[in-house]
């Protein structure tokens, strides 16, 4: 028996849920007395979806903020970490990072994966070792994963990859298709993994390569046909217009904005998510909204890197659904990401009240889960995956806030999560964070010990 729960778009009292084979078999609101049922105090939500993650960026937290700089100077520090990872160290770091996510109420992660090969670009003996390490880490941590296998073929609009980027590249489109298809077939053998696709950005391929990729990935409504396992249409994700410099370079190279380039290639649509979408023209917003392409905002990263504030409300009003991610993991807290969308809009417009708590909860749950290829998650409803995230409504942050959707979005933090159930299994309880912290310290320190 859930004391309070978010069901059908509102907080309900005394919600009785029953679970069979990892799914809700019964959901009854205002159920009254149920003596045999376990009582769960607090406010319970559906599982949260972290729609944009680079697991290895977790090693940068607290280290890249110590000096002045820009996105581009931060990128050099990120490259240094990327050069140090191997399948074993990546598994350890990803498992600890995913455990931190689960403890924050996240039941599904979208992992934007481009660390494919050895640092010099040579494939590992097991060519898919890095991707398989991420899937294994997610399974051990207790959450589902959409492994967004990423095409990264150029250092900038057709220029050859260089430095650590060599380990990102499969050489050409055919190489990426072959490896990505093989990886999809090897990992998506259970229903807790989606083998999705990603284009790193319009910078990471030439115009001809983008057109070729589009032909392999599929047109709008058919994304994910390459190596698709089962009947589910798998997602396509792409970084978009995170930096003004990216837009300027795209205009110089192609004469169009990044959004227009993707649109003309047929890569926008309901199964596509563009990440960041920070610096957009009016025409960009209309194209994204008109194709119902999702927009994933990562406010804690976008402010950490000085990216800017994207037009979240304008995109939503144009028809582009909102999802959320923690990206560089400067913070792993989807409650903070939710409220940051609204608070950033207030800073940009000097007005309040752009997003309701209910809209932001939907972005972090049902819409986010669907964007990662799990349309049967993110809602407490019969037949859906049994994910439950319970918040303490009497903590120093949440006490006196009403115990409703406003508490979840505008008061709670990851530290208020007391219990997490994923696919019907309890995967986090109070008291687990200390052990997770030790795992994180060991995994991160291992990467920095020689610097």
Foldseek 3Di string as FASTA:
>chain_A
DEQWEQAPLWIAGDWDFDDDQQFTADTDGPPPDDPVDDYDYFYKFFFFEFEAAAQQLQLCAPPLLPDDDFLVVVVVVVLLLLLLDDLVLLLLSLLLSLLLLVLLRHQEYEHADQQQDHQQLHADPPRRSNVVSNLVSNVVSRHFYEDALEAFAAQFQAHGDDGSCSSRHLNALVSSLVVLLVVLLVRPPDPSYHSFYEYAFNGRYHLVRLLVNDVQQDAAPQGPPRNGDPDFRAAYEYEAPLAPVNQVRCCVRPVDGRLVSCVVSRNAACLYEYEQQADDDPVSLLSNQVRQHAYEYQQVVSVSNVRHQHPQLSSVVSHHQYAYHNYSPSDNKLLCRLQSNQVSVCVVPVDHDSDDLSSSLCRRFQVSCVSRRQNLGRHRDGPRRDKMWGFDCCDPQRDPVPSISCSSNPTDTSVRTAWIAGSRRTSDHPPCVVVSVVSNCVSSCVSVVVD
